[in-house]
Amino acid sequence: MKNLFLTLLLMMAVPAHAAMPVEMVTTANDPVGSRLVYAIKERIRQSSSLELSLDGSALRMQAQIVTLDPDPQSPGASTVYSSF
């Protein structure tokens, strides 16, 4: 009975159609990395279950992406990225 009460309370606290806020923290100093981050943000904007968060104080998921140009001899040809 206690579990049922907690489940109902949780269901009332979280709206059924609420999108999960996502904060993007990025370091993309190369052109290909900037395009990659832009493409990810656009996919989040198109999603019905995710939304970009602009407010850093709210409860949210955080995506951290770092990109680097791996070859200074041919800048803008590729990128190396890490996300966590």
Protein backbone atom coordinates (compact mmCIF):
# COMPACT_ATOMS: atom_id res chain seq x y z
CA MET A 1 0.00 0.00 0.00
CA LYS A 2 2.87 2.35 0.85
CA ASN A 3 4.50 1.71 -2.54
CA LEU A 4 1.24 2.44 -4.34
CA PHE A 5 0.90 5.75 -2.48
CA LEU A 6 4.48 6.75 -3.35
CA THR A 7 3.94 5.80 -6.99
CA LEU A 8 0.75 7.87 -7.22
CA LEU A 9 2.44 10.81 -5.51
CA LEU A 10 5.35 10.65 -7.94
CA MET A 11 3.00 10.43 -10.93
CA MET A 12 1.17 13.54 -9.77
CA ALA A 13 4.42 15.45 -9.24
CA VAL A 14 5.78 14.83 -12.75
CA PRO A 15 3.52 15.90 -15.63
CA ALA A 16 2.92 13.15 -18.19
CA HIS A 17 3.88 15.31 -21.17
CA ALA A 18 6.86 17.08 -19.62
CA ALA A 19 10.06 17.09 -21.66
CA MET A 20 13.36 16.38 -19.94
CA PRO A 21 15.49 19.55 -19.88
CA VAL A 22 19.01 19.10 -21.27
CA GLU A 23 21.81 21.58 -20.63
CA MET A 24 24.56 21.58 -23.26
CA VAL A 25 28.04 22.43 -21.97
CA THR A 26 30.36 22.55 -24.96
CA THR A 27 33.89 23.42 -25.97
CA ALA A 28 33.93 23.31 -29.74
CA ASN A 29 36.64 25.59 -31.12
CA ASP A 30 36.93 23.87 -34.49
CA PRO A 31 34.47 24.28 -37.40
CA VAL A 32 33.49 20.60 -37.69
CA GLY A 33 33.01 20.34 -33.92
CA SER A 34 30.80 23.43 -33.93
CA ARG A 35 28.62 21.85 -36.65
CA LEU A 36 28.43 18.63 -34.65
CA VAL A 37 27.24 20.48 -31.52
CA TYR A 38 24.74 22.46 -33.61
CA ALA A 39 23.34 19.22 -35.09
CA ILE A 40 22.92 17.70 -31.62
CA LYS A 41 21.13 20.82 -30.35
CA GLU A 42 18.80 20.75 -33.36
CA ARG A 43 17.92 17.10 -32.69
CA ILE A 44 17.11 17.98 -29.06
CA ARG A 45 14.91 20.86 -30.24
CA GLN A 46 13.03 18.48 -32.57
CA SER A 47 12.53 15.87 -29.84
CA SER A 48 9.20 15.52 -28.09
CA SER A 49 10.80 14.12 -24.94
CA LEU A 50 13.80 16.49 -24.62
CA GLU A 51 14.19 20.28 -24.55
CA LEU A 52 17.20 22.57 -24.31
CA SER A 53 17.56 24.08 -20.85
CA LEU A 54 18.68 27.67 -20.55
CA ASP A 55 18.20 27.86 -16.78
CA GLY A 56 21.17 26.33 -14.95
CA SER A 57 19.36 26.19 -11.61
CA ALA A 58 16.55 23.80 -12.63
CA LEU A 59 16.69 20.02 -12.41
CA ARG A 60 18.11 18.85 -15.74
CA MET A 61 20.29 16.38 -17.59
CA GLN A 62 23.68 17.74 -18.62
CA ALA A 63 25.55 16.86 -21.83
CA GLN A 64 29.20 17.90 -21.92
CA ILE A 65 30.91 17.82 -25.32
CA VAL A 66 34.51 18.73 -26.11
CA THR A 67 35.79 18.78 -29.70
CA LEU A 68 39.28 19.30 -31.11
CA ASP A 69 40.71 19.58 -34.61
CA PRO A 70 43.03 16.56 -34.84
CA ASP A 71 45.15 17.78 -37.77
CA PRO A 72 46.33 21.40 -37.85
CA GLN A 73 47.73 20.79 -41.36
CA SER A 74 44.19 20.43 -42.77
CA PRO A 75 41.89 22.43 -40.49
CA GLY A 76 38.16 21.87 -40.82
CA ALA A 77 38.48 18.41 -42.37
CA SER A 78 37.55 16.40 -39.27
CA THR A 79 37.03 16.57 -35.51
CA VAL A 80 37.67 14.48 -32.46
CA TYR A 81 35.03 14.64 -29.74
CA SER A 82 34.42 13.42 -26.23
CA SER A 83 31.10 13.50 -24.44
CA PHE A 84 30.27 12.73 -20.86
